[in-house]
Amino acid sequence: MTDNQTLAGRVAAVTGGTGGIGKAICQRFLREGASVYALDRATAQLDGVIFVEMDVTSPEQVAAAFAKIEDQSEKLDILVNAAGIEIEKTIEDTSLDEWNQIFAVNVTGTFLASKAGLPLMRKAAGGSIINFGSYDGFIADPGLAAYCATKGAVHALTRAMACDYGPEGIRVNAICPGYIDTPMLQSFFQDNGDIETLEQAVRDVHPMRRYGTSDDVAGLVNWLAGDEARYASGQLWVLDGGLTAQVQQMRL
């Protein structure tokens, strides 16, 4: 441990902790001195990170995972609800099973993990919950109807949780990323033709002429988790390289 570690002594749990963004968050928390639990269905070895197999849609698995955290660490200071999936369809092309599945992961998973984590945060006399919304919760990309609906729900849930638990010293915020270089984004590129041309088009539509990285997201998560953000709660933090700040028609 070094003197400048901002999360020394804290206990953090990250759902979707072995994914592109989740992994970067776990690694950043670890560098900042936290004890880190990666909660995910996909098994992975992350040096220094405690992996716990967990499906966010299963109440039983969520309860068991947080019981393990309580048994090993006694408390929880930070919860990041990073688990999420995407369906690239209109509502006509989306089956009811697909609709229910994306809500189960993106919304119900956030609900279940938060519900299980709150009692452990009380043991820490406060904490920080960081949910994952999206810029698609404010505006819509074509063919992402169900995904957009889930992110709008996460935004509303974030505000409600911040109001309910603020008196207990528990802050709740949501990060709303734009295009981030993750396996999910690469899958989108691969499904839509000329990858190199599409990647450049995506860069060019951003004022910063690039899309984000997992480390960009982890930096904001780390700030929201720590004491410098002690007055930040109930907010939706858009991280999109200026994408939604511009009038898109002006680029035609």
C-alpha atoms as a PDB file:
ATOM      1  CA  MET A   1       0.000   0.000   0.000  1.00  0.00           C
ATOM      2  CA  THR A   2       1.262   3.488  -0.894  1.00  0.00           C
ATOM      3  CA  ASP A   3       0.327   6.827   0.648  1.00  0.00           C
ATOM      4  CA  ASN A   4      -1.530   8.054  -2.445  1.00  0.00           C
ATOM      5  CA  GLN A   5      -3.916   5.102  -2.808  1.00  0.00           C
ATOM      6  CA  THR A   6      -7.353   6.693  -2.701  1.00  0.00           C
ATOM      7  CA  LEU A   7      -9.313   3.545  -1.796  1.00  0.00           C
ATOM      8  CA  ALA A   8      -7.035   1.965   0.796  1.00  0.00           C
ATOM      9  CA  GLY A   9      -9.039  -0.126   3.250  1.00  0.00           C
ATOM     10  CA  ARG A  10     -12.181  -0.097   1.104  1.00  0.00           C
ATOM     11  CA  VAL A  11     -14.034  -3.197  -0.085  1.00  0.00           C
ATOM     12  CA  ALA A  12     -15.424  -3.079  -3.636  1.00  0.00           C
ATOM     13  CA  ALA A  13     -17.644  -5.413  -5.659  1.00  0.00           C
ATOM     14  CA  VAL A  14     -18.020  -5.161  -9.440  1.00  0.00           C
ATOM     15  CA  THR A  15     -20.731  -7.076 -11.294  1.00  0.00           C
ATOM     16  CA  GLY A  16     -19.668  -7.998 -14.807  1.00  0.00           C
ATOM     17  CA  GLY A  17     -16.190  -7.778 -13.328  1.00  0.00           C
ATOM     18  CA  THR A  18     -14.476  -9.904 -15.964  1.00  0.00           C
ATOM     19  CA  GLY A  19     -15.854  -7.970 -18.966  1.00  0.00           C
ATOM     20  CA  GLY A  20     -14.030  -5.217 -20.824  1.00  0.00           C
ATOM     21  CA  ILE A  21     -15.119  -2.298 -18.641  1.00  0.00           C
ATOM     22  CA  GLY A  22     -15.585  -4.375 -15.485  1.00  0.00           C
ATOM     23  CA  LYS A  23     -12.045  -5.751 -15.680  1.00  0.00           C
ATOM     24  CA  ALA A  24     -10.570  -2.256 -16.060  1.00  0.00           C
ATOM     25  CA  ILE A  25     -12.559  -1.073 -13.026  1.00  0.00           C
ATOM     26  CA  CYS A  26     -11.374  -4.009 -10.916  1.00  0.00           C
ATOM     27  CA  GLN A  27      -7.760  -3.369 -11.870  1.00  0.00           C
ATOM     28  CA  ARG A  28      -8.042   0.362 -11.120  1.00  0.00           C
ATOM     29  CA  PHE A  29      -9.636  -0.292  -7.730  1.00  0.00           C
ATOM     30  CA  LEU A  30      -6.859  -2.753  -6.936  1.00  0.00           C
ATOM     31  CA  ARG A  31      -4.192  -0.163  -7.776  1.00  0.00           C
ATOM     32  CA  GLU A  32      -5.983   2.286  -5.485  1.00  0.00           C
ATOM     33  CA  GLY A  33      -5.665  -0.097  -2.541  1.00  0.00           C
ATOM     34  CA  ALA A  34      -9.147  -1.631  -2.359  1.00  0.00           C
ATOM     35  CA  SER A  35     -10.035  -5.255  -1.761  1.00  0.00           C
ATOM     36  CA  VAL A  36     -11.876  -6.166  -4.962  1.00  0.00           C
ATOM     37  CA  TYR A  37     -14.494  -8.789  -5.776  1.00  0.00           C
ATOM     38  CA  ALA A  38     -15.293  -9.497  -9.430  1.00  0.00           C
ATOM     39  CA  LEU A  39     -18.808 -10.939  -9.670  1.00  0.00           C
ATOM     40  CA  ASP A  40     -19.499 -12.542 -13.035  1.00  0.00           C
ATOM     41  CA  ARG A  41     -20.670 -15.667 -14.848  1.00  0.00           C
ATOM     42  CA  ALA A  42     -17.454 -15.814 -16.884  1.00  0.00           C
ATOM     43  CA  THR A  43     -14.545 -17.285 -14.962  1.00  0.00           C
ATOM     44  CA  ALA A  44     -11.330 -15.280 -15.099  1.00  0.00           C
ATOM     45  CA  GLN A  45      -8.042 -14.953 -13.258  1.00  0.00           C
ATOM     46  CA  LEU A  46      -7.322 -11.335 -12.405  1.00  0.00           C
ATOM     47  CA  ASP A  47      -4.210 -10.981 -10.255  1.00  0.00           C
ATOM     48  CA  GLY A  48      -5.173  -9.755  -6.805  1.00  0.00           C
ATOM     49  CA  VAL A  49      -8.917  -9.738  -7.533  1.00  0.00           C
ATOM     50  CA  ILE A  50     -11.245 -12.192  -5.787  1.00  0.00           C
ATOM     51  CA  PHE A  51     -13.481 -13.863  -8.376  1.00  0.00           C
ATOM     52  CA  VAL A  52     -16.973 -14.977  -7.348  1.00  0.00           C
ATOM     53  CA  GLU A  53     -19.129 -16.762  -9.908  1.00  0.00           C
ATOM     54  CA  MET A  54     -22.504 -15.028 -10.040  1.00  0.00           C
ATOM     55  CA  ASP A  55     -25.396 -14.571 -12.458  1.00  0.00           C
ATOM     56  CA  VAL A  56     -26.974 -11.171 -11.760  1.00  0.00           C
ATOM     57  CA  THR A  57     -30.393 -12.495 -12.821  1.00  0.00           C
ATOM     58  CA  SER A  58     -30.400 -15.193 -10.101  1.00  0.00           C
ATOM     59  CA  PRO A  59     -31.569 -14.034  -6.644  1.00  0.00           C
ATOM     60  CA  GLU A  60     -30.003 -17.137  -5.089  1.00  0.00           C
ATOM     61  CA  GLN A  61     -26.590 -16.599  -6.683  1.00  0.00           C
ATOM     62  CA  VAL A  62     -26.606 -12.891  -5.847  1.00  0.00           C
ATOM     63  CA  ALA A  63     -27.454 -13.631  -2.205  1.00  0.00           C
ATOM     64  CA  ALA A  64     -24.708 -16.264  -2.013  1.00  0.00           C
ATOM     65  CA  ALA A  65     -22.097 -13.944  -3.549  1.00  0.00           C
ATOM     66  CA  PHE A  66     -22.788 -11.115  -1.126  1.00  0.00           C
ATOM     67  CA  ALA A  67     -22.880 -13.567   1.781  1.00  0.00           C
ATOM     68  CA  LYS A  68     -19.342 -14.574   0.757  1.00  0.00           C
ATOM     69  CA  ILE A  69     -18.265 -10.926   0.727  1.00  0.00           C
ATOM     70  CA  GLU A  70     -19.751 -10.455   4.184  1.00  0.00           C
ATOM     71  CA  ASP A  71     -18.064 -13.597   5.468  1.00  0.00           C
ATOM     72  CA  GLN A  72     -14.642 -12.614   4.121  1.00  0.00           C
ATOM     73  CA  SER A  73     -14.663  -8.816   4.443  1.00  0.00           C
ATOM     74  CA  GLU A  74     -17.572  -8.034   6.821  1.00  0.00           C
ATOM     75  CA  LYS A  75     -18.593  -4.901   4.922  1.00  0.00           C
ATOM     76  CA  LEU A  76     -18.909  -3.304   1.475  1.00  0.00           C
ATOM     77  CA  ASP A  77     -17.871   0.247   0.627  1.00  0.00           C
ATOM     78  CA  ILE A  78     -18.294   0.296  -3.160  1.00  0.00           C
ATOM     79  CA  LEU A  79     -20.665  -1.486  -5.530  1.00  0.00           C
ATOM     80  CA  VAL A  80     -20.374  -1.116  -9.295  1.00  0.00           C
ATOM     81  CA  ASN A  81     -23.252  -2.556 -11.320  1.00  0.00           C
ATOM     82  CA  ALA A  82     -21.404  -3.010 -14.616  1.00  0.00           C
ATOM     83  CA  ALA A  83     -23.041  -6.228 -15.889  1.00  0.00           C
ATOM     84  CA  GLY A  84     -25.000  -5.606 -19.072  1.00  0.00           C
ATOM     85  CA  ILE A  85     -26.016  -6.956 -22.463  1.00  0.00           C
ATOM     86  CA  GLU A  86     -27.196  -5.392 -25.717  1.00  0.00           C
ATOM     87  CA  ILE A  87     -29.789  -6.466 -28.290  1.00  0.00           C
ATOM     88  CA  GLU A  88     -29.586  -4.788 -31.706  1.00  0.00           C
ATOM     89  CA  LYS A  89     -33.214  -4.939 -32.853  1.00  0.00           C
ATOM     90  CA  THR A  90     -36.376  -2.902 -33.214  1.00  0.00           C
ATOM     91  CA  ILE A  91     -39.290  -3.875 -30.972  1.00  0.00           C
ATOM     92  CA  GLU A  92     -40.978  -5.715 -33.860  1.00  0.00           C
ATOM     93  CA  ASP A  93     -37.933  -7.933 -34.237  1.00  0.00           C
ATOM     94  CA  THR A  94     -37.418  -8.387 -30.479  1.00  0.00           C
ATOM     95  CA  SER A  95     -39.021 -11.478 -28.979  1.00  0.00           C
ATOM     96  CA  LEU A  96     -40.625 -11.386 -25.547  1.00  0.00           C
ATOM     97  CA  ASP A  97     -37.901 -13.721 -24.287  1.00  0.00           C
ATOM     98  CA  GLU A  98     -35.213 -11.312 -25.514  1.00  0.00           C
ATOM     99  CA  TRP A  99     -37.054  -8.362 -23.965  1.00  0.00           C
ATOM    100  CA  ASN A 100     -37.304 -10.146 -20.616  1.00  0.00           C
ATOM    101  CA  GLN A 101     -33.663 -11.245 -20.760  1.00  0.00           C
ATOM    102  CA  ILE A 102     -32.200  -7.805 -21.355  1.00  0.00           C
ATOM    103  CA  PHE A 103     -34.342  -6.329 -18.577  1.00  0.00           C
ATOM    104  CA  ALA A 104     -33.321  -9.213 -16.299  1.00  0.00           C
ATOM    105  CA  VAL A 105     -29.614  -8.445 -16.771  1.00  0.00           C
ATOM    106  CA  ASN A 106     -29.525  -4.666 -17.137  1.00  0.00           C
ATOM    107  CA  VAL A 107     -32.284  -3.621 -14.734  1.00  0.00           C
ATOM    108  CA  THR A 108     -33.212  -6.500 -12.422  1.00  0.00           C
ATOM    109  CA  GLY A 109     -29.521  -7.363 -12.025  1.00  0.00           C
ATOM    110  CA  THR A 110     -28.840  -3.818 -10.819  1.00  0.00           C
ATOM    111  CA  PHE A 111     -31.805  -4.086  -8.444  1.00  0.00           C
ATOM    112  CA  LEU A 112     -30.758  -7.472  -7.007  1.00  0.00           C
ATOM    113  CA  ALA A 113     -27.092  -6.594  -6.493  1.00  0.00           C
ATOM    114  CA  SER A 114     -27.940  -3.247  -4.902  1.00  0.00           C
ATOM    115  CA  LYS A 115     -30.539  -4.831  -2.637  1.00  0.00           C
ATOM    116  CA  ALA A 116     -27.975  -7.395  -1.465  1.00  0.00           C
ATOM    117  CA  GLY A 117     -25.186  -4.857  -1.086  1.00  0.00           C
ATOM    118  CA  LEU A 118     -27.006  -2.206   0.929  1.00  0.00           C
ATOM    119  CA  PRO A 119     -26.935  -4.053   4.288  1.00  0.00           C
ATOM    120  CA  LEU A 120     -23.160  -4.476   3.923  1.00  0.00           C
ATOM    121  CA  MET A 121     -22.788  -0.761   3.189  1.00  0.00           C
ATOM    122  CA  ARG A 122     -24.583   0.028   6.424  1.00  0.00           C
ATOM    123  CA  LYS A 123     -21.861  -1.963   8.183  1.00  0.00           C
ATOM    124  CA  ALA A 124     -19.367   0.401   6.549  1.00  0.00           C
ATOM    125  CA  ALA A 125     -21.435   3.413   7.709  1.00  0.00           C
ATOM    126  CA  GLY A 126     -21.927   4.536   4.123  1.00  0.00           C
ATOM    127  CA  GLY A 127     -20.748   3.808   0.620  1.00  0.00           C
ATOM    128  CA  SER A 128     -20.959   4.458  -3.092  1.00  0.00           C
ATOM    129  CA  ILE A 129     -23.100   2.602  -5.624  1.00  0.00           C
ATOM    130  CA  ILE A 130     -22.250   3.223  -9.277  1.00  0.00           C
ATOM    131  CA  ASN A 131     -24.742   1.983 -11.859  1.00  0.00           C
ATOM    132  CA  PHE A 132     -24.272   1.766 -15.599  1.00  0.00           C
ATOM    133  CA  GLY A 133     -26.690   3.686 -17.745  1.00  0.00           C
ATOM    134  CA  SER A 134     -25.888   4.894 -21.255  1.00  0.00           C
ATOM    135  CA  TYR A 135     -26.195   7.897 -23.479  1.00  0.00           C
ATOM    136  CA  ASP A 136     -28.841   5.660 -25.093  1.00  0.00           C
ATOM    137  CA  GLY A 137     -30.938   6.307 -21.997  1.00  0.00           C
ATOM    138  CA  PHE A 138     -31.212   9.961 -23.092  1.00  0.00           C
ATOM    139  CA  ILE A 139     -31.306   9.651 -26.880  1.00  0.00           C
ATOM    140  CA  ALA A 140     -31.722   6.605 -29.106  1.00  0.00           C
ATOM    141  CA  ASP A 141     -29.612   4.784 -31.635  1.00  0.00           C
ATOM    142  CA  PRO A 142     -31.656   3.005 -34.321  1.00  0.00           C
ATOM    143  CA  GLY A 143     -32.300  -0.677 -33.717  1.00  0.00           C
ATOM    144  CA  LEU A 144     -31.579  -0.633 -29.981  1.00  0.00           C
ATOM    145  CA  ALA A 145     -35.087  -0.242 -28.592  1.00  0.00           C
ATOM    146  CA  ALA A 146     -34.950  -2.722 -25.720  1.00  0.00           C
ATOM    147  CA  TYR A 147     -31.435  -1.639 -24.747  1.00  0.00           C
ATOM    148  CA  CYS A 148     -32.484   2.016 -24.679  1.00  0.00           C
ATOM    149  CA  ALA A 149     -35.489   1.127 -22.511  1.00  0.00           C
ATOM    150  CA  THR A 150     -33.322  -0.680 -19.962  1.00  0.00           C
ATOM    151  CA  LYS A 151     -30.901   2.204 -19.671  1.00  0.00           C
ATOM    152  CA  GLY A 152     -33.713   4.699 -19.143  1.00  0.00           C
ATOM    153  CA  ALA A 153     -34.937   2.451 -16.333  1.00  0.00           C
ATOM    154  CA  VAL A 154     -31.469   2.360 -14.751  1.00  0.00           C
ATOM    155  CA  HIS A 155     -31.324   6.161 -14.847  1.00  0.00           C
ATOM    156  CA  ALA A 156     -34.640   6.453 -12.997  1.00  0.00           C
ATOM    157  CA  LEU A 157     -33.657   3.750 -10.498  1.00  0.00           C
ATOM    158  CA  THR A 158     -30.377   5.548  -9.789  1.00  0.00           C
ATOM    159  CA  ARG A 159     -32.143   8.773  -8.847  1.00  0.00           C
ATOM    160  CA  ALA A 160     -34.669   6.928  -6.671  1.00  0.00           C
ATOM    161  CA  MET A 161     -31.943   5.020  -4.807  1.00  0.00           C
ATOM    162  CA  ALA A 162     -29.976   8.225  -4.233  1.00  0.00           C
ATOM    163  CA  CYS A 163     -33.041   9.807  -2.613  1.00  0.00           C
ATOM    164  CA  ASP A 164     -33.810   6.757  -0.473  1.00  0.00           C
ATOM    165  CA  TYR A 165     -30.318   6.043   0.840  1.00  0.00           C
ATOM    166  CA  GLY A 166     -28.641   9.444   0.920  1.00  0.00           C
ATOM    167  CA  PRO A 167     -29.650   9.955   4.576  1.00  0.00           C
ATOM    168  CA  GLU A 168     -27.573   6.875   5.433  1.00  0.00           C
ATOM    169  CA  GLY A 169     -24.456   8.214   3.753  1.00  0.00           C
ATOM    170  CA  ILE A 170     -24.865   5.987   0.697  1.00  0.00           C
ATOM    171  CA  ARG A 171     -24.313   7.805  -2.592  1.00  0.00           C
ATOM    172  CA  VAL A 172     -25.766   6.477  -5.852  1.00  0.00           C
ATOM    173  CA  ASN A 173     -24.730   7.646  -9.309  1.00  0.00           C
ATOM    174  CA  ALA A 174     -24.841   6.307 -12.858  1.00  0.00           C
ATOM    175  CA  ILE A 175     -22.212   6.513 -15.560  1.00  0.00           C
ATOM    176  CA  CYS A 176     -23.646   6.867 -19.056  1.00  0.00           C
ATOM    177  CA  PRO A 177     -20.976   5.926 -21.593  1.00  0.00           C
ATOM    178  CA  GLY A 178     -21.046   6.522 -25.301  1.00  0.00           C
ATOM    179  CA  TYR A 179     -18.903   4.454 -27.671  1.00  0.00           C
ATOM    180  CA  ILE A 180     -16.314   2.558 -25.606  1.00  0.00           C
ATOM    181  CA  ASP A 181     -13.751   0.192 -27.135  1.00  0.00           C
ATOM    182  CA  THR A 182     -14.963  -3.099 -25.640  1.00  0.00           C
ATOM    183  CA  PRO A 183     -15.748  -6.570 -27.012  1.00  0.00           C
ATOM    184  CA  MET A 184     -19.385  -5.401 -27.293  1.00  0.00           C
ATOM    185  CA  LEU A 185     -18.380  -2.527 -29.582  1.00  0.00           C
ATOM    186  CA  GLN A 186     -16.088  -4.755 -31.652  1.00  0.00           C
ATOM    187  CA  SER A 187     -18.982  -7.185 -32.082  1.00  0.00           C
ATOM    188  CA  PHE A 188     -21.073  -4.295 -33.399  1.00  0.00           C
ATOM    189  CA  PHE A 189     -18.345  -3.415 -35.913  1.00  0.00           C
ATOM    190  CA  GLN A 190     -18.015  -7.023 -37.086  1.00  0.00           C
ATOM    191  CA  ASP A 191     -21.747  -7.312 -37.687  1.00  0.00           C
ATOM    192  CA  ASN A 192     -21.901  -4.232 -39.908  1.00  0.00           C
ATOM    193  CA  GLY A 193     -19.647  -4.702 -42.919  1.00  0.00           C
ATOM    194  CA  ASP A 194     -16.389  -2.820 -43.549  1.00  0.00           C
ATOM    195  CA  ILE A 195     -14.874  -2.714 -40.062  1.00  0.00           C
ATOM    196  CA  GLU A 196     -12.072  -0.222 -40.784  1.00  0.00           C
ATOM    197  CA  THR A 197     -14.400   2.261 -42.504  1.00  0.00           C
ATOM    198  CA  LEU A 198     -17.000   1.971 -39.750  1.00  0.00           C
ATOM    199  CA  GLU A 199     -14.435   2.429 -36.996  1.00  0.00           C
ATOM    200  CA  GLN A 200     -13.179   5.623 -38.631  1.00  0.00           C
ATOM    201  CA  ALA A 201     -16.730   6.899 -39.136  1.00  0.00           C
ATOM    202  CA  VAL A 202     -17.428   6.375 -35.441  1.00  0.00           C
ATOM    203  CA  ARG A 203     -14.276   8.279 -34.510  1.00  0.00           C
ATOM    204  CA  ASP A 204     -15.116  11.134 -36.862  1.00  0.00           C
ATOM    205  CA  VAL A 205     -18.597  11.713 -35.415  1.00  0.00           C
ATOM    206  CA  HIS A 206     -17.032  12.546 -32.044  1.00  0.00           C
ATOM    207  CA  PRO A 207     -15.701  16.057 -31.398  1.00  0.00           C
ATOM    208  CA  MET A 208     -12.632  14.417 -29.829  1.00  0.00           C
ATOM    209  CA  ARG A 209     -12.229  12.204 -32.936  1.00  0.00           C
ATOM    210  CA  ARG A 210     -11.967   9.017 -30.910  1.00  0.00           C
ATOM    211  CA  TYR A 211     -14.146   6.701 -28.910  1.00  0.00           C
ATOM    212  CA  GLY A 212     -13.485   5.879 -25.305  1.00  0.00           C
ATOM    213  CA  THR A 213     -11.467   3.175 -23.592  1.00  0.00           C
ATOM    214  CA  SER A 214     -12.281   1.026 -20.590  1.00  0.00           C
ATOM    215  CA  ASP A 215      -9.641   2.955 -18.651  1.00  0.00           C
ATOM    216  CA  ASP A 216     -11.472   6.211 -19.405  1.00  0.00           C
ATOM    217  CA  VAL A 217     -14.557   4.734 -17.757  1.00  0.00           C
ATOM    218  CA  ALA A 218     -12.580   3.277 -14.857  1.00  0.00           C
ATOM    219  CA  GLY A 219     -11.167   6.719 -14.101  1.00  0.00           C
ATOM    220  CA  LEU A 220     -14.619   8.220 -13.620  1.00  0.00           C
ATOM    221  CA  VAL A 221     -15.793   5.197 -11.629  1.00  0.00           C
ATOM    222  CA  ASN A 222     -12.776   5.545  -9.357  1.00  0.00           C
ATOM    223  CA  TRP A 223     -13.546   9.208  -8.703  1.00  0.00           C
ATOM    224  CA  LEU A 224     -17.190   8.485  -7.908  1.00  0.00           C
ATOM    225  CA  ALA A 225     -16.131   5.696  -5.560  1.00  0.00           C
ATOM    226  CA  GLY A 226     -13.776   7.874  -3.535  1.00  0.00           C
ATOM    227  CA  ASP A 227     -13.957  10.709  -1.047  1.00  0.00           C
ATOM    228  CA  GLU A 228     -13.398  13.477  -3.603  1.00  0.00           C
ATOM    229  CA  ALA A 229     -16.917  12.748  -4.876  1.00  0.00           C
ATOM    230  CA  ARG A 230     -18.447  12.811  -1.388  1.00  0.00           C
ATOM    231  CA  TYR A 231     -21.091  15.399  -2.423  1.00  0.00           C
ATOM    232  CA  ALA A 232     -21.934  13.721  -5.753  1.00  0.00           C
ATOM    233  CA  SER A 233     -25.117  11.664  -5.720  1.00  0.00           C
ATOM    234  CA  GLY A 234     -28.226  11.086  -7.810  1.00  0.00           C
ATOM    235  CA  GLN A 235     -26.479  12.166 -11.006  1.00  0.00           C
ATOM    236  CA  LEU A 236     -26.153  10.702 -14.499  1.00  0.00           C
ATOM    237  CA  TRP A 237     -22.565  11.226 -15.641  1.00  0.00           C
ATOM    238  CA  VAL A 238     -22.347  11.215 -19.442  1.00  0.00           C
ATOM    239  CA  LEU A 239     -18.950  10.045 -20.708  1.00  0.00           C
ATOM    240  CA  ASP A 240     -19.051  10.218 -24.496  1.00  0.00           C
ATOM    241  CA  GLY A 241     -16.226  12.393 -25.804  1.00  0.00           C
ATOM    242  CA  GLY A 242     -18.668  15.219 -26.516  1.00  0.00           C
ATOM    243  CA  LEU A 243     -20.827  13.098 -28.841  1.00  0.00           C
ATOM    244  CA  THR A 244     -24.186  14.245 -27.460  1.00  0.00           C
ATOM    245  CA  ALA A 245     -23.072  17.858 -26.974  1.00  0.00           C
ATOM    246  CA  GLN A 246     -23.271  18.598 -30.688  1.00  0.00           C
ATOM    247  CA  VAL A 247     -26.143  19.056 -33.106  1.00  0.00           C
ATOM    248  CA  GLN A 248     -25.733  16.075 -35.393  1.00  0.00           C
ATOM    249  CA  GLN A 249     -27.441  17.752 -38.358  1.00  0.00           C
ATOM    250  CA  MET A 250     -24.581  20.240 -38.532  1.00  0.00           C
ATOM    251  CA  ARG A 251     -22.263  17.396 -39.549  1.00  0.00           C
ATOM    252  CA  LEU A 252     -24.244  16.596 -42.717  1.00  0.00           C
END
